[in-house]
Every structure is written in structure tokens, then in C-alpha cells.
Amino acid sequence: AKNTVYLQMNSLKPEDTAVYYCKYYGLGRNYWGQGT
């Protein structure tokens, strides 16, 4: 309903440090977010 995907991250570790990107698996092509 909100066109939104979430990633709840618990018990985070230093090795989880990264830029996180969402990906939309489109019908003809894929799309990427800008990263956070």
C-alpha cells in the first residue's frame, strides 16, 4: 500500500558495515536505489 520495502536489522555487528542498496526486479529491467 505504501510501495515500500523494509529491512529490520537487529543485533548488528561491525561486519555489517556497508552501503545498503535496494533493488527492484523490474519486468523488463532492474532498478537500484542510491544507497544508504
PDB file of all heavy atoms in Angstrom:
ATOM      1  N   ALA A   1       0.829  -1.214   0.000  1.00  0.00           N
ATOM      2  CA  ALA A   1       0.000   0.000   0.000  1.00  0.00           C
ATOM      3  C   ALA A   1       0.861   1.260   0.000  1.00  0.00           C
ATOM      4  O   ALA A   1       0.426   2.311  -0.469  1.00  0.00           O
ATOM      5  CB  ALA A   1      -0.923  -0.001   1.201  1.00  0.00           C
ATOM      6  N   LYS A   2       2.077   1.126   0.527  1.00  0.00           N
ATOM      7  CA  LYS A   2       3.000   2.267   0.592  1.00  0.00           C
ATOM      8  C   LYS A   2       4.136   2.157  -0.419  1.00  0.00           C
ATOM      9  O   LYS A   2       5.040   2.995  -0.431  1.00  0.00           O
ATOM     10  CB  LYS A   2       3.586   2.393   1.997  1.00  0.00           C
ATOM     11  CG  LYS A   2       2.555   2.707   3.068  1.00  0.00           C
ATOM     12  CD  LYS A   2       3.218   2.863   4.422  1.00  0.00           C
ATOM     13  CE  LYS A   2       2.184   3.222   5.494  1.00  0.00           C
ATOM     14  NZ  LYS A   2       2.808   3.377   6.836  1.00  0.00           N
ATOM     15  N   ASN A   3       4.110   1.115  -1.242  1.00  0.00           N
ATOM     16  CA  ASN A   3       5.196   0.902  -2.211  1.00  0.00           C
ATOM     17  C   ASN A   3       6.567   0.922  -1.541  1.00  0.00           C
ATOM     18  O   ASN A   3       7.527   1.499  -2.059  1.00  0.00           O
ATOM     19  CB  ASN A   3       5.170   1.976  -3.313  1.00  0.00           C
ATOM     20  CG  ASN A   3       4.255   1.606  -4.470  1.00  0.00           C
ATOM     21  OD1 ASN A   3       3.340   0.803  -4.318  1.00  0.00           O
ATOM     22  ND2 ASN A   3       4.493   2.198  -5.628  1.00  0.00           N
ATOM     23  N   THR A   4       6.652   0.288  -0.400  1.00  0.00           N
ATOM     24  CA  THR A   4       7.873   0.363   0.415  1.00  0.00           C
ATOM     25  C   THR A   4       8.314  -1.020   0.869  1.00  0.00           C
ATOM     26  O   THR A   4       7.484  -1.846   1.261  1.00  0.00           O
ATOM     27  CB  THR A   4       7.651   1.273   1.635  1.00  0.00           C
ATOM     28  OG1 THR A   4       7.292   2.582   1.179  1.00  0.00           O
ATOM     29  CG2 THR A   4       8.918   1.386   2.477  1.00  0.00           C
ATOM     30  N   VAL A   5       9.620  -1.225   0.812  1.00  0.00           N
ATOM     31  CA  VAL A   5      10.228  -2.434   1.362  1.00  0.00           C
ATOM     32  C   VAL A   5      11.131  -2.021   2.520  1.00  0.00           C
ATOM     33  O   VAL A   5      11.738  -0.940   2.492  1.00  0.00           O
ATOM     34  CB  VAL A   5      11.018  -3.212   0.282  1.00  0.00           C
ATOM     35  CG1 VAL A   5      12.178  -2.389  -0.270  1.00  0.00           C
ATOM     36  CG2 VAL A   5      11.506  -4.545   0.811  1.00  0.00           C
ATOM     37  N   TYR A   6      11.173  -2.861   3.535  1.00  0.00           N
ATOM     38  CA  TYR A   6      11.923  -2.566   4.756  1.00  0.00           C
ATOM     39  C   TYR A   6      12.968  -3.644   5.012  1.00  0.00           C
ATOM     40  O   TYR A   6      12.823  -4.788   4.593  1.00  0.00           O
ATOM     41  CB  TYR A   6      10.987  -2.496   5.961  1.00  0.00           C
ATOM     42  CG  TYR A   6       9.854  -1.523   5.813  1.00  0.00           C
ATOM     43  CD1 TYR A   6       8.589  -1.943   5.403  1.00  0.00           C
ATOM     44  CD2 TYR A   6      10.037  -0.171   6.095  1.00  0.00           C
ATOM     45  CE1 TYR A   6       7.546  -1.048   5.264  1.00  0.00           C
ATOM     46  CE2 TYR A   6       9.001   0.734   5.966  1.00  0.00           C
ATOM     47  CZ  TYR A   6       7.757   0.291   5.542  1.00  0.00           C
ATOM     48  OH  TYR A   6       6.720   1.185   5.411  1.00  0.00           O
ATOM     49  N   LEU A   7      13.990  -3.250   5.744  1.00  0.00           N
ATOM     50  CA  LEU A   7      14.964  -4.211   6.247  1.00  0.00           C
ATOM     51  C   LEU A   7      15.196  -3.876   7.719  1.00  0.00           C
ATOM     52  O   LEU A   7      15.832  -2.872   8.036  1.00  0.00           O
ATOM     53  CB  LEU A   7      16.279  -4.167   5.472  1.00  0.00           C
ATOM     54  CG  LEU A   7      17.289  -5.242   5.866  1.00  0.00           C
ATOM     55  CD1 LEU A   7      16.770  -6.631   5.464  1.00  0.00           C
ATOM     56  CD2 LEU A   7      18.655  -4.985   5.227  1.00  0.00           C
ATOM     57  N   GLN A   8      14.637  -4.697   8.584  1.00  0.00           N
ATOM     58  CA  GLN A   8      14.867  -4.548  10.016  1.00  0.00           C
ATOM     59  C   GLN A   8      16.141  -5.288  10.372  1.00  0.00           C
ATOM     60  O   GLN A   8      16.246  -6.494  10.135  1.00  0.00           O
ATOM     61  CB  GLN A   8      13.686  -5.113  10.805  1.00  0.00           C
ATOM     62  CG  GLN A   8      13.854  -5.057  12.308  1.00  0.00           C
ATOM     63  CD  GLN A   8      13.873  -3.628  12.841  1.00  0.00           C
ATOM     64  OE1 GLN A   8      13.061  -2.797  12.426  1.00  0.00           O
ATOM     65  NE2 GLN A   8      14.800  -3.345  13.744  1.00  0.00           N
ATOM     66  N   MET A   9      17.089  -4.578  10.940  1.00  0.00           N
ATOM     67  CA  MET A   9      18.391  -5.154  11.252  1.00  0.00           C
ATOM     68  C   MET A   9      18.610  -5.093  12.758  1.00  0.00           C
ATOM     69  O   MET A   9      18.667  -4.005  13.336  1.00  0.00           O
ATOM     70  CB  MET A   9      19.497  -4.394  10.526  1.00  0.00           C
ATOM     71  CG  MET A   9      19.286  -4.306   9.023  1.00  0.00           C
ATOM     72  SD  MET A   9      20.670  -3.539   8.154  1.00  0.00           S
ATOM     73  CE  MET A   9      20.572  -1.874   8.790  1.00  0.00           C
ATOM     74  N   ASN A  10      18.681  -6.247  13.378  1.00  0.00           N
ATOM     75  CA  ASN A  10      18.914  -6.353  14.815  1.00  0.00           C
ATOM     76  C   ASN A  10      20.262  -7.011  15.089  1.00  0.00           C
ATOM     77  O   ASN A  10      20.851  -7.628  14.211  1.00  0.00           O
ATOM     78  CB  ASN A  10      17.798  -7.174  15.461  1.00  0.00           C
ATOM     79  CG  ASN A  10      16.427  -6.557  15.296  1.00  0.00           C
ATOM     80  OD1 ASN A  10      16.282  -5.335  15.238  1.00  0.00           O
ATOM     81  ND2 ASN A  10      15.403  -7.395  15.214  1.00  0.00           N
ATOM     82  N   SER A  11      20.712  -6.876  16.305  1.00  0.00           N
ATOM     83  CA  SER A  11      21.985  -7.487  16.724  1.00  0.00           C
ATOM     84  C   SER A  11      23.097  -7.180  15.727  1.00  0.00           C
ATOM     85  O   SER A  11      23.835  -8.073  15.291  1.00  0.00           O
ATOM     86  CB  SER A  11      21.816  -9.009  16.875  1.00  0.00           C
ATOM     87  OG  SER A  11      20.801  -9.311  17.808  1.00  0.00           O
ATOM     88  N   LEU A  12      23.202  -5.933  15.371  1.00  0.00           N
ATOM     89  CA  LEU A  12      24.168  -5.530  14.350  1.00  0.00           C
ATOM     90  C   LEU A  12      25.593  -5.764  14.810  1.00  0.00           C
ATOM     91  O   LEU A  12      25.920  -5.638  16.000  1.00  0.00           O
ATOM     92  CB  LEU A  12      23.957  -4.068  13.976  1.00  0.00           C
ATOM     93  CG  LEU A  12      22.759  -3.831  13.035  1.00  0.00           C
ATOM     94  CD1 LEU A  12      22.316  -2.384  13.081  1.00  0.00           C
ATOM     95  CD2 LEU A  12      23.121  -4.241  11.619  1.00  0.00           C
ATOM     96  N   LYS A  13      26.424  -6.122  13.824  1.00  0.00           N
ATOM     97  CA  LYS A  13      27.825  -6.406  14.066  1.00  0.00           C
ATOM     98  C   LYS A  13      28.685  -5.452  13.229  1.00  0.00           C
ATOM     99  O   LYS A  13      28.237  -4.971  12.189  1.00  0.00           O
ATOM    100  CB  LYS A  13      28.142  -7.847  13.659  1.00  0.00           C
ATOM    101  CG  LYS A  13      27.287  -8.896  14.344  1.00  0.00           C
ATOM    102  CD  LYS A  13      27.600 -10.283  13.807  1.00  0.00           C
ATOM    103  CE  LYS A  13      26.737 -11.337  14.468  1.00  0.00           C
ATOM    104  NZ  LYS A  13      27.040 -12.708  13.932  1.00  0.00           N
ATOM    105  N   PRO A  14      29.928  -5.232  13.646  1.00  0.00           N
ATOM    106  CA  PRO A  14      30.798  -4.362  12.835  1.00  0.00           C
ATOM    107  C   PRO A  14      30.919  -4.839  11.384  1.00  0.00           C
ATOM    108  O   PRO A  14      31.032  -4.004  10.477  1.00  0.00           O
ATOM    109  CB  PRO A  14      32.133  -4.441  13.571  1.00  0.00           C
ATOM    110  CG  PRO A  14      31.746  -4.668  15.000  1.00  0.00           C
ATOM    111  CD  PRO A  14      30.549  -5.573  14.940  1.00  0.00           C
ATOM    112  N   GLU A  15      30.867  -6.134  11.170  1.00  0.00           N
ATOM    113  CA  GLU A  15      30.978  -6.654   9.798  1.00  0.00           C
ATOM    114  C   GLU A  15      29.735  -6.386   8.955  1.00  0.00           C
ATOM    115  O   GLU A  15      29.739  -6.666   7.757  1.00  0.00           O
ATOM    116  CB  GLU A  15      31.287  -8.153   9.803  1.00  0.00           C
ATOM    117  CG  GLU A  15      30.368  -8.991  10.674  1.00  0.00           C
ATOM    118  CD  GLU A  15      30.974  -9.264  12.052  1.00  0.00           C
ATOM    119  OE1 GLU A  15      31.531  -8.322  12.664  1.00  0.00           O
ATOM    120  OE2 GLU A  15      30.856 -10.430  12.510  1.00  0.00           O
ATOM    121  N   ASP A  16      28.681  -5.838   9.547  1.00  0.00           N
ATOM    122  CA  ASP A  16      27.513  -5.419   8.777  1.00  0.00           C
ATOM    123  C   ASP A  16      27.704  -4.026   8.175  1.00  0.00           C
ATOM    124  O   ASP A  16      26.854  -3.563   7.399  1.00  0.00           O
ATOM    125  CB  ASP A  16      26.260  -5.403   9.663  1.00  0.00           C
ATOM    126  CG  ASP A  16      25.866  -6.778  10.153  1.00  0.00           C
ATOM    127  OD1 ASP A  16      25.925  -7.740   9.343  1.00  0.00           O
ATOM    128  OD2 ASP A  16      25.505  -6.908  11.335  1.00  0.00           O
ATOM    129  N   THR A  17      28.798  -3.372   8.530  1.00  0.00           N
ATOM    130  CA  THR A  17      29.074  -2.039   7.996  1.00  0.00           C
ATOM    131  C   THR A  17      29.209  -2.091   6.480  1.00  0.00           C
ATOM    132  O   THR A  17      29.981  -2.876   5.938  1.00  0.00           O
ATOM    133  CB  THR A  17      30.364  -1.471   8.618  1.00  0.00           C
ATOM    134  OG1 THR A  17      30.150  -1.268  10.022  1.00  0.00           O
ATOM    135  CG2 THR A  17      30.748  -0.157   7.964  1.00  0.00           C
ATOM    136  N   ALA A  18      28.419  -1.261   5.791  1.00  0.00           N
ATOM    137  CA  ALA A  18      28.404  -1.260   4.331  1.00  0.00           C
ATOM    138  C   ALA A  18      27.434  -0.185   3.854  1.00  0.00           C
ATOM    139  O   ALA A  18      26.669   0.382   4.648  1.00  0.00           O
ATOM    140  CB  ALA A  18      27.958  -2.614   3.784  1.00  0.00           C
ATOM    141  N   VAL A  19      27.465   0.049   2.566  1.00  0.00           N
ATOM    142  CA  VAL A  19      26.398   0.814   1.929  1.00  0.00           C
ATOM    143  C   VAL A  19      25.327  -0.188   1.516  1.00  0.00           C
ATOM    144  O   VAL A  19      25.630  -1.198   0.860  1.00  0.00           O
ATOM    145  CB  VAL A  19      26.902   1.603   0.711  1.00  0.00           C
ATOM    146  CG1 VAL A  19      25.747   2.353   0.052  1.00  0.00           C
ATOM    147  CG2 VAL A  19      28.003   2.573   1.121  1.00  0.00           C
ATOM    148  N   TYR A  20      24.108   0.082   1.910  1.00  0.00           N
ATOM    149  CA  TYR A  20      22.992  -0.809   1.616  1.00  0.00           C
ATOM    150  C   TYR A  20      22.155  -0.220   0.487  1.00  0.00           C
ATOM    151  O   TYR A  20      21.807   0.968   0.501  1.00  0.00           O
ATOM    152  CB  TYR A  20      22.133  -1.002   2.864  1.00  0.00           C
ATOM    153  CG  TYR A  20      22.771  -1.942   3.865  1.00  0.00           C
ATOM    154  CD1 TYR A  20      23.890  -1.560   4.599  1.00  0.00           C
ATOM    155  CD2 TYR A  20      22.264  -3.228   4.071  1.00  0.00           C
ATOM    156  CE1 TYR A  20      24.489  -2.427   5.499  1.00  0.00           C
ATOM    157  CE2 TYR A  20      22.853  -4.099   4.970  1.00  0.00           C
ATOM    158  CZ  TYR A  20      23.965  -3.694   5.680  1.00  0.00           C
ATOM    159  OH  TYR A  20      24.559  -4.559   6.569  1.00  0.00           O
ATOM    160  N   TYR A  21      21.836  -1.086  -0.486  1.00  0.00           N
ATOM    161  CA  TYR A  21      21.080  -0.675  -1.666  1.00  0.00           C
ATOM    162  C   TYR A  21      19.817  -1.528  -1.789  1.00  0.00           C
ATOM    163  O   TYR A  21      19.865  -2.742  -1.555  1.00  0.00           O
ATOM    164  CB  TYR A  21      21.903  -0.908  -2.931  1.00  0.00           C
ATOM    165  CG  TYR A  21      23.193  -0.152  -3.009  1.00  0.00           C
ATOM    166  CD1 TYR A  21      24.368  -0.685  -2.496  1.00  0.00           C
ATOM    167  CD2 TYR A  21      23.251   1.100  -3.629  1.00  0.00           C
ATOM    168  CE1 TYR A  21      25.565   0.001  -2.571  1.00  0.00           C
ATOM    169  CE2 TYR A  21      24.448   1.788  -3.712  1.00  0.00           C
ATOM    170  CZ  TYR A  21      25.596   1.235  -3.185  1.00  0.00           C
ATOM    171  OH  TYR A  21      26.782   1.919  -3.272  1.00  0.00           O
ATOM    172  N   CYS A  22      18.736  -0.915  -2.189  1.00  0.00           N
ATOM    173  CA  CYS A  22      17.579  -1.724  -2.531  1.00  0.00           C
ATOM    174  C   CYS A  22      17.544  -1.916  -4.042  1.00  0.00           C
ATOM    175  O   CYS A  22      18.054  -1.084  -4.805  1.00  0.00           O
ATOM    176  CB  CYS A  22      16.279  -1.139  -2.007  1.00  0.00           C
ATOM    177  SG  CYS A  22      15.777   0.407  -2.742  1.00  0.00           S
ATOM    178  N   LYS A  23      16.975  -3.026  -4.435  1.00  0.00           N
ATOM    179  CA  LYS A  23      16.888  -3.393  -5.850  1.00  0.00           C
ATOM    180  C   LYS A  23      15.461  -3.773  -6.185  1.00  0.00           C
ATOM    181  O   LYS A  23      14.811  -4.507  -5.439  1.00  0.00           O
ATOM    182  CB  LYS A  23      17.816  -4.567  -6.156  1.00  0.00           C
ATOM    183  CG  LYS A  23      17.812  -5.008  -7.615  1.00  0.00           C
ATOM    184  CD  LYS A  23      18.795  -6.140  -7.838  1.00  0.00           C
ATOM    185  CE  LYS A  23      18.803  -6.617  -9.271  1.00  0.00           C
ATOM    186  NZ  LYS A  23      19.771  -7.721  -9.483  1.00  0.00           N
ATOM    187  N   TYR A  24      15.012  -3.257  -7.296  1.00  0.00           N
ATOM    188  CA  TYR A  24      13.667  -3.503  -7.815  1.00  0.00           C
ATOM    189  C   TYR A  24      13.836  -4.399  -9.032  1.00  0.00           C
ATOM    190  O   TYR A  24      14.447  -4.004 -10.033  1.00  0.00           O
ATOM    191  CB  TYR A  24      13.059  -2.160  -8.186  1.00  0.00           C
ATOM    192  CG  TYR A  24      11.689  -2.133  -8.806  1.00  0.00           C
ATOM    193  CD1 TYR A  24      10.604  -1.673  -8.075  1.00  0.00           C
ATOM    194  CD2 TYR A  24      11.481  -2.472 -10.134  1.00  0.00           C
ATOM    195  CE1 TYR A  24       9.342  -1.565  -8.645  1.00  0.00           C
ATOM    196  CE2 TYR A  24      10.234  -2.384 -10.713  1.00  0.00           C
ATOM    197  CZ  TYR A  24       9.173  -1.917  -9.969  1.00  0.00           C
ATOM    198  OH  TYR A  24       7.929  -1.813 -10.535  1.00  0.00           O
ATOM    199  N   TYR A  25      13.328  -5.625  -8.937  1.00  0.00           N
ATOM    200  CA  TYR A  25      13.461  -6.583 -10.031  1.00  0.00           C
ATOM    201  C   TYR A  25      12.312  -6.325 -11.005  1.00  0.00           C
ATOM    202  O   TYR A  25      11.237  -6.916 -10.905  1.00  0.00           O
ATOM    203  CB  TYR A  25      13.393  -8.016  -9.504  1.00  0.00           C
ATOM    204  CG  TYR A  25      14.568  -8.415  -8.650  1.00  0.00           C
ATOM    205  CD1 TYR A  25      14.671  -7.991  -7.326  1.00  0.00           C
ATOM    206  CD2 TYR A  25      15.572  -9.240  -9.149  1.00  0.00           C
ATOM    207  CE1 TYR A  25      15.751  -8.365  -6.536  1.00  0.00           C
ATOM    208  CE2 TYR A  25      16.645  -9.620  -8.365  1.00  0.00           C
ATOM    209  CZ  TYR A  25      16.723  -9.175  -7.060  1.00  0.00           C
ATOM    210  OH  TYR A  25      17.790  -9.548  -6.271  1.00  0.00           O
ATOM    211  N   GLY A  26      12.561  -5.403 -11.932  1.00  0.00           N
ATOM    212  CA  GLY A  26      11.513  -4.972 -12.831  1.00  0.00           C
ATOM    213  C   GLY A  26      11.139  -6.004 -13.877  1.00  0.00           C
ATOM    214  O   GLY A  26      11.796  -7.026 -14.050  1.00  0.00           O
ATOM    215  N   LEU A  27      10.079  -5.712 -14.582  1.00  0.00           N
ATOM    216  CA  LEU A  27       9.567  -6.629 -15.589  1.00  0.00           C
ATOM    217  C   LEU A  27      10.441  -6.641 -16.839  1.00  0.00           C
ATOM    218  O   LEU A  27      10.493  -7.627 -17.570  1.00  0.00           O
ATOM    219  CB  LEU A  27       8.121  -6.252 -15.935  1.00  0.00           C
ATOM    220  CG  LEU A  27       7.166  -6.217 -14.728  1.00  0.00           C
ATOM    221  CD1 LEU A  27       5.769  -5.800 -15.169  1.00  0.00           C
ATOM    222  CD2 LEU A  27       7.131  -7.569 -14.030  1.00  0.00           C
ATOM    223  N   GLY A  28      11.121  -5.536 -17.104  1.00  0.00           N
ATOM    224  CA  GLY A  28      11.993  -5.501 -18.258  1.00  0.00           C
ATOM    225  C   GLY A  28      13.435  -5.178 -17.913  1.00  0.00           C
ATOM    226  O   GLY A  28      14.361  -5.496 -18.654  1.00  0.00           O
ATOM    227  N   ARG A  29      13.624  -4.572 -16.768  1.00  0.00           N
ATOM    228  CA  ARG A  29      14.956  -4.217 -16.304  1.00  0.00           C
ATOM    229  C   ARG A  29      14.914  -4.064 -14.788  1.00  0.00           C
ATOM    230  O   ARG A  29      13.847  -4.012 -14.192  1.00  0.00           O
ATOM    231  CB  ARG A  29      15.445  -2.922 -16.953  1.00  0.00           C
ATOM    232  CG  ARG A  29      14.536  -1.724 -16.731  1.00  0.00           C
ATOM    233  CD  ARG A  29      15.204  -0.406 -17.006  1.00  0.00           C
ATOM    234  NE  ARG A  29      16.160  -0.068 -15.956  1.00  0.00           N
ATOM    235  CZ  ARG A  29      16.793   1.091 -15.915  1.00  0.00           C
ATOM    236  NH1 ARG A  29      16.596   1.995 -16.862  1.00  0.00           N
ATOM    237  NH2 ARG A  29      17.645   1.343 -14.929  1.00  0.00           N
ATOM    238  N   ASN A  30      16.088  -3.990 -14.195  1.00  0.00           N
ATOM    239  CA  ASN A  30      16.195  -3.810 -12.748  1.00  0.00           C
ATOM    240  C   ASN A  30      16.560  -2.368 -12.423  1.00  0.00           C
ATOM    241  O   ASN A  30      17.174  -1.675 -13.229  1.00  0.00           O
ATOM    242  CB  ASN A  30      17.256  -4.746 -12.180  1.00  0.00           C
ATOM    243  CG  ASN A  30      16.931  -6.201 -12.438  1.00  0.00           C
ATOM    244  OD1 ASN A  30      15.775  -6.603 -12.394  1.00  0.00           O
ATOM    245  ND2 ASN A  30      17.953  -6.997 -12.736  1.00  0.00           N
ATOM    246  N   TYR A  31      16.183  -1.949 -11.226  1.00  0.00           N
ATOM    247  CA  TYR A  31      16.483  -0.595 -10.774  1.00  0.00           C
ATOM    248  C   TYR A  31      17.151  -0.664  -9.400  1.00  0.00           C
ATOM    249  O   TYR A  31      16.849  -1.551  -8.603  1.00  0.00           O
ATOM    250  CB  TYR A  31      15.204   0.240 -10.660  1.00  0.00           C
ATOM    251  CG  TYR A  31      14.478   0.431 -11.977  1.00  0.00           C
ATOM    252  CD1 TYR A  31      13.557  -0.507 -12.412  1.00  0.00           C
ATOM    253  CD2 TYR A  31      14.737   1.541 -12.771  1.00  0.00           C
ATOM    254  CE1 TYR A  31      12.897  -0.349 -13.617  1.00  0.00           C
ATOM    255  CE2 TYR A  31      14.070   1.715 -13.976  1.00  0.00           C
ATOM    256  CZ  TYR A  31      13.156   0.765 -14.392  1.00  0.00           C
ATOM    257  OH  TYR A  31      12.507   0.935 -15.595  1.00  0.00           O
ATOM    258  N   TRP A  32      18.019   0.322  -9.149  1.00  0.00           N
ATOM    259  CA  TRP A  32      18.753   0.389  -7.886  1.00  0.00           C
ATOM    260  C   TRP A  32      18.495   1.716  -7.196  1.00  0.00           C
ATOM    261  O   TRP A  32      18.356   2.750  -7.852  1.00  0.00           O
ATOM    262  CB  TRP A  32      20.251   0.269  -8.129  1.00  0.00           C
ATOM    263  CG  TRP A  32      20.690  -1.079  -8.592  1.00  0.00           C
ATOM    264  CD1 TRP A  32      20.801  -1.503  -9.884  1.00  0.00           C
ATOM    265  CD2 TRP A  32      21.106  -2.171  -7.776  1.00  0.00           C
ATOM    266  NE1 TRP A  32      21.254  -2.799  -9.922  1.00  0.00           N
ATOM    267  CE2 TRP A  32      21.451  -3.244  -8.635  1.00  0.00           C
ATOM    268  CE3 TRP A  32      21.220  -2.361  -6.400  1.00  0.00           C
ATOM    269  CZ2 TRP A  32      21.900  -4.477  -8.158  1.00  0.00           C
ATOM    270  CZ3 TRP A  32      21.671  -3.582  -5.928  1.00  0.00           C
ATOM    271  CH2 TRP A  32      22.005  -4.625  -6.799  1.00  0.00           C
ATOM    272  N   GLY A  33      18.473   1.671  -5.865  1.00  0.00           N
ATOM    273  CA  GLY A  33      18.448   2.893  -5.105  1.00  0.00           C
ATOM    274  C   GLY A  33      19.832   3.503  -5.032  1.00  0.00           C
ATOM    275  O   GLY A  33      20.813   2.928  -5.503  1.00  0.00           O
ATOM    276  N   GLN A  34      19.913   4.664  -4.386  1.00  0.00           N
ATOM    277  CA  GLN A  34      21.180   5.404  -4.333  1.00  0.00           C
ATOM    278  C   GLN A  34      22.102   4.896  -3.234  1.00  0.00           C
ATOM    279  O   GLN A  34      23.289   5.228  -3.219  1.00  0.00           O
ATOM    280  CB  GLN A  34      20.905   6.902  -4.130  1.00  0.00           C
ATOM    281  CG  GLN A  34      20.618   7.326  -2.686  1.00  0.00           C
ATOM    282  CD  GLN A  34      19.223   6.958  -2.208  1.00  0.00           C
ATOM    283  OE1 GLN A  34      18.404   6.408  -2.959  1.00  0.00           O
ATOM    284  NE2 GLN A  34      18.935   7.269  -0.944  1.00  0.00           N
ATOM    285  N   GLY A  35      21.565   4.100  -2.340  1.00  0.00           N
ATOM    286  CA  GLY A  35      22.360   3.548  -1.256  1.00  0.00           C
ATOM    287  C   GLY A  35      22.258   4.368   0.018  1.00  0.00           C
ATOM    288  O   GLY A  35      22.095   5.586  -0.023  1.00  0.00           O
ATOM    289  N   THR A  36      22.351   3.674   1.130  1.00  0.00           N
ATOM    290  CA  THR A  36      22.365   4.336   2.432  1.00  0.00           C
ATOM    291  C   THR A  36      23.443   3.681   3.284  1.00  0.00           C
ATOM    292  O   THR A  36      23.569   2.456   3.321  1.00  0.00           O
ATOM    293  CB  THR A  36      20.978   4.266   3.111  1.00  0.00           C
ATOM    294  OG1 THR A  36      20.993   5.022   4.319  1.00  0.00           O
ATOM    295  CG2 THR A  36      20.550   2.835   3.416  1.00  0.00           C
TER     296      THR A  36
END
